[in-house]
Amino acid sequence: MELFIKQLSMTANAGDVKSETAEQCLEMLAQYLIHYSDLFQDMEMNDEDDFSDWEENLESHMVDLLEGDVEPSGDLGNLPLEALDPEHVRDFLGWFVVRESSDVDLIQGYATVLQQWLEFVHNKHWWKKNEYIDFVEIMAEVTPAAERVARLSRVLFHFVRSGGAIAPRLRGKRFSRFVEGHGRVNSIDELSIALDFDSQNEIIGPIPLPKVILDLVEVGDVFDVELGLRGDTWMMVDIGPVYPACVYVEVEEYQGLEKLS
């Protein structure tokens, strides 16, 4: 990563990705790999003592967070390059970055950085076999999906916060029910969507949305959302990130990446 950034700063031309963007992207990638991937699981918690230690460390960490004394670690140590799996790149760009930002320009910039970094590694002949091709295929799949849901997240945020989700005939009516969590888009029609929540034994919907928003939604997308039932109509009360179907799988579907011994 350091070699790539150094070369980028030395050979940058007008229109090329900025070295600051590359630094930010790769620092964020390092944080994802350290704190959210399977690459730094030093031990499994198999007994109550391990869990108690984890709870104690978590409590200390929360105190540090409240006092503003915690800086995210970006040190990958001696992690070998071959430990990086294409699925890590998919998860990083399609979940981690999308969770942190709905800025399409930022996501496009980070995608460009990742593509150039992967090409840099390939040109150095540091991949074994066909790893580079696997990474390129993942990038081609996840990049447009991440850009699409970032646009969708931003439009939905303004739609919900501006009160656009409440039809005039429903204003003033009390909510009779709330559902919140991660809802997967089960179906889309010309006027609405329906969501499937793991915690519910039913499909929630229809949820009316404008066509300009519906055109951005795909079956399988996952909304971090709170819904309320007013009268006979479900509406969005609050909305967080939206994740593309290509990165979000149900628990029973996920086999997990191979752990390092």
C-alpha atoms as a PDB file:
ATOM      1  CA  MET A   1       0.000   0.000   0.000  1.00  0.00           C
ATOM      2  CA  GLU A   2       2.783   2.417   0.917  1.00  0.00           C
ATOM      3  CA  LEU A   3       4.660   1.673  -2.293  1.00  0.00           C
ATOM      4  CA  PHE A   4       1.515   2.276  -4.326  1.00  0.00           C
ATOM      5  CA  ILE A   5       0.815   5.646  -2.676  1.00  0.00           C
ATOM      6  CA  LYS A   6       4.431   6.702  -3.090  1.00  0.00           C
ATOM      7  CA  GLN A   7       4.385   5.839  -6.800  1.00  0.00           C
ATOM      8  CA  LEU A   8       1.021   7.541  -7.205  1.00  0.00           C
ATOM      9  CA  SER A   9       2.293  10.797  -5.716  1.00  0.00           C
ATOM     10  CA  MET A  10       5.382  10.727  -7.944  1.00  0.00           C
ATOM     11  CA  THR A  11       3.602   9.981 -11.220  1.00  0.00           C
ATOM     12  CA  ALA A  12       0.259  11.737 -10.739  1.00  0.00           C
ATOM     13  CA  ASN A  13      -1.133  13.571 -13.777  1.00  0.00           C
ATOM     14  CA  ALA A  14      -4.089  15.872 -14.160  1.00  0.00           C
ATOM     15  CA  GLY A  15      -7.270  13.828 -13.894  1.00  0.00           C
ATOM     16  CA  ASP A  16      -5.599  10.967 -11.999  1.00  0.00           C
ATOM     17  CA  VAL A  17      -6.863   9.932  -8.587  1.00  0.00           C
ATOM     18  CA  LYS A  18      -5.313  12.096  -5.867  1.00  0.00           C
ATOM     19  CA  SER A  19      -2.808  10.552  -3.489  1.00  0.00           C
ATOM     20  CA  GLU A  20      -4.863  11.897  -0.545  1.00  0.00           C
ATOM     21  CA  THR A  21      -7.874   9.938  -1.782  1.00  0.00           C
ATOM     22  CA  ALA A  22      -5.716   6.836  -2.151  1.00  0.00           C
ATOM     23  CA  GLU A  23      -4.382   7.250   1.388  1.00  0.00           C
ATOM     24  CA  GLN A  24      -7.883   7.665   2.795  1.00  0.00           C
ATOM     25  CA  CYS A  25      -9.199   4.666   0.875  1.00  0.00           C
ATOM     26  CA  LEU A  26      -6.389   2.289   1.817  1.00  0.00           C
ATOM     27  CA  GLU A  27      -6.422   3.445   5.442  1.00  0.00           C
ATOM     28  CA  MET A  28     -10.143   2.690   5.514  1.00  0.00           C
ATOM     29  CA  LEU A  29      -9.494  -0.693   3.881  1.00  0.00           C
ATOM     30  CA  ALA A  30      -6.950  -1.468   6.596  1.00  0.00           C
ATOM     31  CA  GLN A  31      -9.477  -0.579   9.310  1.00  0.00           C
ATOM     32  CA  TYR A  32     -12.062  -2.830   7.692  1.00  0.00           C
ATOM     33  CA  LEU A  33      -9.622  -5.745   7.450  1.00  0.00           C
ATOM     34  CA  ILE A  34      -8.514  -5.344  11.077  1.00  0.00           C
ATOM     35  CA  HIS A  35     -11.850  -4.777  12.763  1.00  0.00           C
ATOM     36  CA  TYR A  36     -14.463  -6.396  10.522  1.00  0.00           C
ATOM     37  CA  SER A  37     -12.891  -9.150   8.431  1.00  0.00           C
ATOM     38  CA  ASP A  38     -11.932 -12.688   9.426  1.00  0.00           C
ATOM     39  CA  LEU A  39      -8.189 -12.018   9.104  1.00  0.00           C
ATOM     40  CA  PHE A  40      -7.468 -10.947  12.671  1.00  0.00           C
ATOM     41  CA  GLN A  41      -9.433 -13.468  14.686  1.00  0.00           C
ATOM     42  CA  ASP A  42      -6.656 -14.610  17.009  1.00  0.00           C
ATOM     43  CA  MET A  43      -8.885 -16.820  19.108  1.00  0.00           C
ATOM     44  CA  GLU A  44     -12.393 -18.209  19.362  1.00  0.00           C
ATOM     45  CA  MET A  45     -14.361 -17.598  22.565  1.00  0.00           C
ATOM     46  CA  ASN A  46     -15.233 -21.100  23.710  1.00  0.00           C
ATOM     47  CA  ASP A  47     -15.922 -20.593  27.404  1.00  0.00           C
ATOM     48  CA  GLU A  48     -17.322 -18.091  29.882  1.00  0.00           C
ATOM     49  CA  ASP A  49     -13.877 -16.796  30.878  1.00  0.00           C
ATOM     50  CA  ASP A  50     -13.113 -15.735  27.308  1.00  0.00           C
ATOM     51  CA  PHE A  51     -16.502 -14.030  27.037  1.00  0.00           C
ATOM     52  CA  SER A  52     -16.001 -12.230  30.364  1.00  0.00           C
ATOM     53  CA  ASP A  53     -12.642 -10.918  29.179  1.00  0.00           C
ATOM     54  CA  TRP A  54     -14.251  -9.713  25.958  1.00  0.00           C
ATOM     55  CA  GLU A  55     -17.025  -7.929  27.877  1.00  0.00           C
ATOM     56  CA  GLU A  56     -14.468  -6.275  30.173  1.00  0.00           C
ATOM     57  CA  ASN A  57     -12.359  -5.115  27.225  1.00  0.00           C
ATOM     58  CA  LEU A  58     -15.487  -3.857  25.462  1.00  0.00           C
ATOM     59  CA  GLU A  59     -16.493  -1.827  28.516  1.00  0.00           C
ATOM     60  CA  SER A  60     -13.036  -0.252  28.665  1.00  0.00           C
ATOM     61  CA  HIS A  61     -13.177   0.473  24.948  1.00  0.00           C
ATOM     62  CA  MET A  62     -16.553   2.218  25.309  1.00  0.00           C
ATOM     63  CA  VAL A  63     -15.186   4.424  28.095  1.00  0.00           C
ATOM     64  CA  ASP A  64     -12.273   5.400  25.864  1.00  0.00           C
ATOM     65  CA  LEU A  65     -14.701   6.177  23.023  1.00  0.00           C
ATOM     66  CA  LEU A  66     -16.759   8.468  25.251  1.00  0.00           C
ATOM     67  CA  GLU A  67     -13.597  10.300  26.290  1.00  0.00           C
ATOM     68  CA  GLY A  68     -12.455  10.628  22.674  1.00  0.00           C
ATOM     69  CA  ASP A  69      -9.224   8.732  23.293  1.00  0.00           C
ATOM     70  CA  VAL A  70      -9.564   6.020  20.648  1.00  0.00           C
ATOM     71  CA  GLU A  71      -7.969   6.240  17.229  1.00  0.00           C
ATOM     72  CA  PRO A  72      -8.816   3.398  14.807  1.00  0.00           C
ATOM     73  CA  SER A  73      -5.857   1.143  14.166  1.00  0.00           C
ATOM     74  CA  GLY A  74      -4.606   0.941  10.599  1.00  0.00           C
ATOM     75  CA  ASP A  75      -1.570  -1.265  11.177  1.00  0.00           C
ATOM     76  CA  LEU A  76      -1.889  -4.505   9.202  1.00  0.00           C
ATOM     77  CA  GLY A  77       1.320  -5.838  10.722  1.00  0.00           C
ATOM     78  CA  ASN A  78       2.797  -8.750   8.804  1.00  0.00           C
ATOM     79  CA  LEU A  79      -0.426  -9.739   7.089  1.00  0.00           C
ATOM     80  CA  PRO A  80       0.618 -11.456   3.832  1.00  0.00           C
ATOM     81  CA  LEU A  81      -0.860 -10.155   0.601  1.00  0.00           C
ATOM     82  CA  GLU A  82      -2.141 -13.596  -0.336  1.00  0.00           C
ATOM     83  CA  ALA A  83      -4.447 -13.482   2.711  1.00  0.00           C
ATOM     84  CA  LEU A  84      -6.572 -10.893   0.919  1.00  0.00           C
ATOM     85  CA  ASP A  85      -9.580 -12.488  -0.743  1.00  0.00           C
ATOM     86  CA  PRO A  86     -11.693 -10.908  -3.510  1.00  0.00           C
ATOM     87  CA  GLU A  87     -14.658 -11.191  -1.135  1.00  0.00           C
ATOM     88  CA  HIS A  88     -12.895  -8.788   1.228  1.00  0.00           C
ATOM     89  CA  VAL A  89     -12.881  -6.186  -1.539  1.00  0.00           C
ATOM     90  CA  ARG A  90     -16.551  -6.831  -2.268  1.00  0.00           C
ATOM     91  CA  ASP A  91     -17.447  -6.476   1.409  1.00  0.00           C
ATOM     92  CA  PHE A  92     -15.330  -3.360   1.828  1.00  0.00           C
ATOM     93  CA  LEU A  93     -16.707  -1.363  -1.099  1.00  0.00           C
ATOM     94  CA  GLY A  94     -20.259  -2.716  -1.113  1.00  0.00           C
ATOM     95  CA  TRP A  95     -20.881  -2.762   2.640  1.00  0.00           C
ATOM     96  CA  PHE A  96     -18.272  -0.949   4.729  1.00  0.00           C
ATOM     97  CA  VAL A  97     -17.861   2.170   2.563  1.00  0.00           C
ATOM     98  CA  VAL A  98     -21.588   2.329   1.768  1.00  0.00           C
ATOM     99  CA  ARG A  99     -22.342   2.119   5.483  1.00  0.00           C
ATOM    100  CA  GLU A 100     -20.065   5.084   6.163  1.00  0.00           C
ATOM    101  CA  SER A 101     -21.074   7.342   3.267  1.00  0.00           C
ATOM    102  CA  SER A 102     -23.720   7.885   0.588  1.00  0.00           C
ATOM    103  CA  ASP A 103     -21.360  10.178  -1.345  1.00  0.00           C
ATOM    104  CA  VAL A 104     -21.305   8.716  -4.856  1.00  0.00           C
ATOM    105  CA  ASP A 105     -18.200  10.716  -5.822  1.00  0.00           C
ATOM    106  CA  LEU A 106     -16.334   9.280  -2.840  1.00  0.00           C
ATOM    107  CA  ILE A 107     -17.377   5.730  -3.702  1.00  0.00           C
ATOM    108  CA  GLN A 108     -16.330   6.230  -7.323  1.00  0.00           C
ATOM    109  CA  GLY A 109     -12.999   7.621  -6.144  1.00  0.00           C
ATOM    110  CA  TYR A 110     -12.403   4.685  -3.814  1.00  0.00           C
ATOM    111  CA  ALA A 111     -13.322   2.238  -6.577  1.00  0.00           C
ATOM    112  CA  THR A 112     -10.749   3.873  -8.857  1.00  0.00           C
ATOM    113  CA  VAL A 113      -8.120   3.644  -6.105  1.00  0.00           C
ATOM    114  CA  LEU A 114      -8.832  -0.048  -5.556  1.00  0.00           C
ATOM    115  CA  GLN A 115      -8.694  -0.788  -9.283  1.00  0.00           C
ATOM    116  CA  GLN A 116      -5.364   1.017  -9.663  1.00  0.00           C
ATOM    117  CA  TRP A 117      -3.942  -0.629  -6.546  1.00  0.00           C
ATOM    118  CA  LEU A 118      -4.947  -4.097  -7.774  1.00  0.00           C
ATOM    119  CA  GLU A 119      -3.358  -3.338 -11.134  1.00  0.00           C
ATOM    120  CA  PHE A 120      -0.215  -2.110  -9.353  1.00  0.00           C
ATOM    121  CA  VAL A 121       0.042  -5.401  -7.437  1.00  0.00           C
ATOM    122  CA  HIS A 122      -0.583  -7.354 -10.639  1.00  0.00           C
ATOM    123  CA  ASN A 123       2.138  -5.480 -12.524  1.00  0.00           C
ATOM    124  CA  LYS A 124       4.556  -6.288  -9.697  1.00  0.00           C
ATOM    125  CA  HIS A 125       3.715  -9.994 -10.193  1.00  0.00           C
ATOM    126  CA  TRP A 126       2.723 -10.330  -6.523  1.00  0.00           C
ATOM    127  CA  TRP A 127      -0.442 -12.329  -7.218  1.00  0.00           C
ATOM    128  CA  LYS A 128      -0.328 -16.078  -7.564  1.00  0.00           C
ATOM    129  CA  LYS A 129      -2.187 -17.884 -10.349  1.00  0.00           C
ATOM    130  CA  ASN A 130      -5.334 -16.001 -11.439  1.00  0.00           C
ATOM    131  CA  GLU A 131      -6.024 -13.912  -8.329  1.00  0.00           C
ATOM    132  CA  TYR A 132      -5.945 -10.650 -10.279  1.00  0.00           C
ATOM    133  CA  ILE A 133      -8.739 -11.798 -12.600  1.00  0.00           C
ATOM    134  CA  ASP A 134     -10.874 -12.771  -9.604  1.00  0.00           C
ATOM    135  CA  PHE A 135     -10.417  -9.314  -8.069  1.00  0.00           C
ATOM    136  CA  VAL A 136     -11.243  -7.571 -11.354  1.00  0.00           C
ATOM    137  CA  GLU A 137     -14.453  -9.578 -11.713  1.00  0.00           C
ATOM    138  CA  ILE A 138     -15.537  -8.699  -8.170  1.00  0.00           C
ATOM    139  CA  MET A 139     -14.817  -5.005  -8.758  1.00  0.00           C
ATOM    140  CA  ALA A 140     -16.856  -5.055 -11.980  1.00  0.00           C
ATOM    141  CA  GLU A 141     -19.803  -6.476 -10.042  1.00  0.00           C
ATOM    142  CA  VAL A 142     -19.705  -4.475  -6.822  1.00  0.00           C
ATOM    143  CA  THR A 143     -18.712  -0.995  -8.082  1.00  0.00           C
ATOM    144  CA  PRO A 144     -21.917  -0.142 -10.014  1.00  0.00           C
ATOM    145  CA  ALA A 145     -24.007  -1.729  -7.261  1.00  0.00           C
ATOM    146  CA  ALA A 146     -22.324   0.388  -4.566  1.00  0.00           C
ATOM    147  CA  GLU A 147     -22.771   3.552  -6.627  1.00  0.00           C
ATOM    148  CA  ARG A 148     -26.453   2.765  -7.205  1.00  0.00           C
ATOM    149  CA  VAL A 149     -27.331   2.147  -3.547  1.00  0.00           C
ATOM    150  CA  ALA A 150     -25.396   5.254  -2.501  1.00  0.00           C
ATOM    151  CA  ARG A 151     -27.647   7.324  -4.779  1.00  0.00           C
ATOM    152  CA  LEU A 152     -30.669   5.442  -3.468  1.00  0.00           C
ATOM    153  CA  SER A 153     -29.679   6.023   0.167  1.00  0.00           C
ATOM    154  CA  ARG A 154     -29.258   9.757  -0.354  1.00  0.00           C
ATOM    155  CA  VAL A 155     -32.557  10.196  -2.209  1.00  0.00           C
ATOM    156  CA  LEU A 156     -34.447   8.095   0.338  1.00  0.00           C
ATOM    157  CA  PHE A 157     -32.948  10.067   3.225  1.00  0.00           C
ATOM    158  CA  HIS A 158     -34.230  13.370   1.865  1.00  0.00           C
ATOM    159  CA  PHE A 159     -37.566  11.819   0.844  1.00  0.00           C
ATOM    160  CA  VAL A 160     -38.209  10.443   4.326  1.00  0.00           C
ATOM    161  CA  ARG A 161     -36.880  13.420   6.305  1.00  0.00           C
ATOM    162  CA  SER A 162     -38.875  15.903   4.209  1.00  0.00           C
ATOM    163  CA  GLY A 163     -42.123  14.114   5.032  1.00  0.00           C
ATOM    164  CA  GLY A 164     -42.607  12.888   1.492  1.00  0.00           C
ATOM    165  CA  ALA A 165     -43.308   9.374   2.719  1.00  0.00           C
ATOM    166  CA  ILE A 166     -46.537  10.509   4.417  1.00  0.00           C
ATOM    167  CA  ALA A 167     -49.531  10.749   2.103  1.00  0.00           C
ATOM    168  CA  PRO A 168     -51.828  13.733   2.856  1.00  0.00           C
ATOM    169  CA  ARG A 169     -54.727  11.427   3.789  1.00  0.00           C
ATOM    170  CA  LEU A 170     -52.564   9.782   6.482  1.00  0.00           C
ATOM    171  CA  ARG A 171     -51.226  12.917   8.158  1.00  0.00           C
ATOM    172  CA  GLY A 172     -52.420  13.223  11.717  1.00  0.00           C
ATOM    173  CA  LYS A 173     -53.274   9.532  12.076  1.00  0.00           C
ATOM    174  CA  ARG A 174     -51.605   7.549  14.837  1.00  0.00           C
ATOM    175  CA  PHE A 175     -49.238   4.654  14.176  1.00  0.00           C
ATOM    176  CA  SER A 176     -50.653   1.254  15.036  1.00  0.00           C
ATOM    177  CA  ARG A 177     -47.429  -0.713  14.540  1.00  0.00           C
ATOM    178  CA  PHE A 178     -43.689  -0.314  13.972  1.00  0.00           C
ATOM    179  CA  VAL A 179     -41.130  -2.626  12.344  1.00  0.00           C
ATOM    180  CA  GLU A 180     -37.419  -1.869  12.175  1.00  0.00           C
ATOM    181  CA  GLY A 181     -34.220  -3.596  11.173  1.00  0.00           C
ATOM    182  CA  HIS A 182     -32.681  -4.845   7.959  1.00  0.00           C
ATOM    183  CA  GLY A 183     -35.417  -5.480   5.422  1.00  0.00           C
ATOM    184  CA  ARG A 184     -34.637  -7.253   2.161  1.00  0.00           C
ATOM    185  CA  VAL A 185     -36.590  -6.117  -0.902  1.00  0.00           C
ATOM    186  CA  ASN A 186     -38.894  -9.024  -1.673  1.00  0.00           C
ATOM    187  CA  SER A 187     -40.799  -7.492  -4.579  1.00  0.00           C
ATOM    188  CA  ILE A 188     -41.172  -4.284  -6.595  1.00  0.00           C
ATOM    189  CA  ASP A 189     -44.164  -3.094  -8.588  1.00  0.00           C
ATOM    190  CA  GLU A 190     -45.018   0.178 -10.324  1.00  0.00           C
ATOM    191  CA  LEU A 191     -46.019   1.927  -7.089  1.00  0.00           C
ATOM    192  CA  SER A 192     -44.337   0.243  -4.146  1.00  0.00           C
ATOM    193  CA  ILE A 193     -41.967  -2.293  -2.647  1.00  0.00           C
ATOM    194  CA  ALA A 194     -42.396  -5.048  -0.079  1.00  0.00           C
ATOM    195  CA  LEU A 195     -39.737  -5.982   2.478  1.00  0.00           C
ATOM    196  CA  ASP A 196     -38.852  -9.262   4.137  1.00  0.00           C
ATOM    197  CA  PHE A 197     -37.416  -9.014   7.678  1.00  0.00           C
ATOM    198  CA  ASP A 198     -35.674 -11.989   9.283  1.00  0.00           C
ATOM    199  CA  SER A 199     -37.422 -11.105  12.572  1.00  0.00           C
ATOM    200  CA  GLN A 200     -40.900 -11.190  11.034  1.00  0.00           C
ATOM    201  CA  ASN A 201     -42.934 -14.106   9.748  1.00  0.00           C
ATOM    202  CA  GLU A 202     -44.587 -11.993   7.076  1.00  0.00           C
ATOM    203  CA  ILE A 203     -43.812  -9.794   4.113  1.00  0.00           C
ATOM    204  CA  ILE A 204     -44.172  -6.121   5.104  1.00  0.00           C
ATOM    205  CA  GLY A 205     -45.791  -3.939   2.473  1.00  0.00           C
ATOM    206  CA  PRO A 206     -46.752  -2.511   0.152  1.00  0.00           C
ATOM    207  CA  ILE A 207     -44.588   0.543   0.940  1.00  0.00           C
ATOM    208  CA  PRO A 208     -45.390   3.307  -1.583  1.00  0.00           C
ATOM    209  CA  LEU A 209     -42.451   5.107  -3.202  1.00  0.00           C
ATOM    210  CA  PRO A 210     -42.131   7.558  -6.118  1.00  0.00           C
ATOM    211  CA  LYS A 211     -41.158   6.028  -9.455  1.00  0.00           C
ATOM    212  CA  VAL A 212     -37.857   7.941  -9.552  1.00  0.00           C
ATOM    213  CA  ILE A 213     -36.872   6.085  -6.357  1.00  0.00           C
ATOM    214  CA  LEU A 214     -38.332   2.748  -7.420  1.00  0.00           C
ATOM    215  CA  ASP A 215     -36.165   2.871 -10.550  1.00  0.00           C
ATOM    216  CA  LEU A 216     -33.075   2.723  -8.299  1.00  0.00           C
ATOM    217  CA  VAL A 217     -34.264  -0.260  -6.237  1.00  0.00           C
ATOM    218  CA  GLU A 218     -33.491  -3.881  -7.071  1.00  0.00           C
ATOM    219  CA  VAL A 219     -34.896  -7.071  -5.579  1.00  0.00           C
ATOM    220  CA  GLY A 220     -32.518  -8.301  -2.883  1.00  0.00           C
ATOM    221  CA  ASP A 221     -31.360  -4.838  -1.774  1.00  0.00           C
ATOM    222  CA  VAL A 222     -31.347  -4.497   2.002  1.00  0.00           C
ATOM    223  CA  PHE A 223     -32.721  -1.381   3.693  1.00  0.00           C
ATOM    224  CA  ASP A 224     -31.673  -0.343   7.201  1.00  0.00           C
ATOM    225  CA  VAL A 225     -35.110   1.063   7.899  1.00  0.00           C
ATOM    226  CA  GLU A 226     -37.873   1.789  10.387  1.00  0.00           C
ATOM    227  CA  LEU A 227     -41.433   1.377   9.117  1.00  0.00           C
ATOM    228  CA  GLY A 228     -44.694   2.534  10.650  1.00  0.00           C
ATOM    229  CA  LEU A 229     -48.246   1.443   9.885  1.00  0.00           C
ATOM    230  CA  ARG A 230     -50.637   4.387   9.616  1.00  0.00           C
ATOM    231  CA  GLY A 231     -54.178   3.439   8.795  1.00  0.00           C
ATOM    232  CA  ASP A 232     -53.798   0.691   6.203  1.00  0.00           C
ATOM    233  CA  THR A 233     -50.511   1.965   4.755  1.00  0.00           C
ATOM    234  CA  TRP A 234     -46.902   1.203   5.632  1.00  0.00           C
ATOM    235  CA  MET A 235     -44.553   4.176   5.419  1.00  0.00           C
ATOM    236  CA  MET A 236     -40.864   4.796   6.070  1.00  0.00           C
ATOM    237  CA  VAL A 237     -40.336   6.535   9.399  1.00  0.00           C
ATOM    238  CA  ASP A 238     -36.535   6.567   9.212  1.00  0.00           C
ATOM    239  CA  ILE A 239     -33.905   5.264   6.822  1.00  0.00           C
ATOM    240  CA  GLY A 240     -30.229   4.417   7.061  1.00  0.00           C
ATOM    241  CA  PRO A 241     -27.872   2.867   4.522  1.00  0.00           C
ATOM    242  CA  VAL A 242     -29.077   0.634   1.709  1.00  0.00           C
ATOM    243  CA  TYR A 243     -26.894  -2.344   0.803  1.00  0.00           C
ATOM    244  CA  PRO A 244     -26.812  -4.110  -2.582  1.00  0.00           C
ATOM    245  CA  ALA A 245     -27.911  -7.716  -2.858  1.00  0.00           C
ATOM    246  CA  CYS A 246     -24.448  -8.763  -4.062  1.00  0.00           C
ATOM    247  CA  VAL A 247     -22.929  -8.189  -0.585  1.00  0.00           C
ATOM    248  CA  TYR A 248     -25.820  -8.941   1.738  1.00  0.00           C
ATOM    249  CA  VAL A 249     -26.645 -12.611   2.280  1.00  0.00           C
ATOM    250  CA  GLU A 250     -28.841 -14.333   4.811  1.00  0.00           C
ATOM    251  CA  VAL A 251     -27.045 -15.962   7.725  1.00  0.00           C
ATOM    252  CA  GLU A 252     -27.827 -19.496   6.633  1.00  0.00           C
ATOM    253  CA  GLU A 253     -26.463 -18.741   3.148  1.00  0.00           C
ATOM    254  CA  TYR A 254     -23.083 -17.467   4.341  1.00  0.00           C
ATOM    255  CA  GLN A 255     -20.361 -20.098   4.539  1.00  0.00           C
ATOM    256  CA  GLY A 256     -17.650 -17.713   5.702  1.00  0.00           C
ATOM    257  CA  LEU A 257     -14.163 -17.125   4.421  1.00  0.00           C
ATOM    258  CA  GLU A 258     -11.538 -19.706   5.213  1.00  0.00           C
ATOM    259  CA  LYS A 259      -9.827 -18.934   8.509  1.00  0.00           C
ATOM    260  CA  LEU A 260      -6.063 -18.670   8.736  1.00  0.00           C
ATOM    261  CA  SER A 261      -4.471 -21.406  10.832  1.00  0.00           C
END
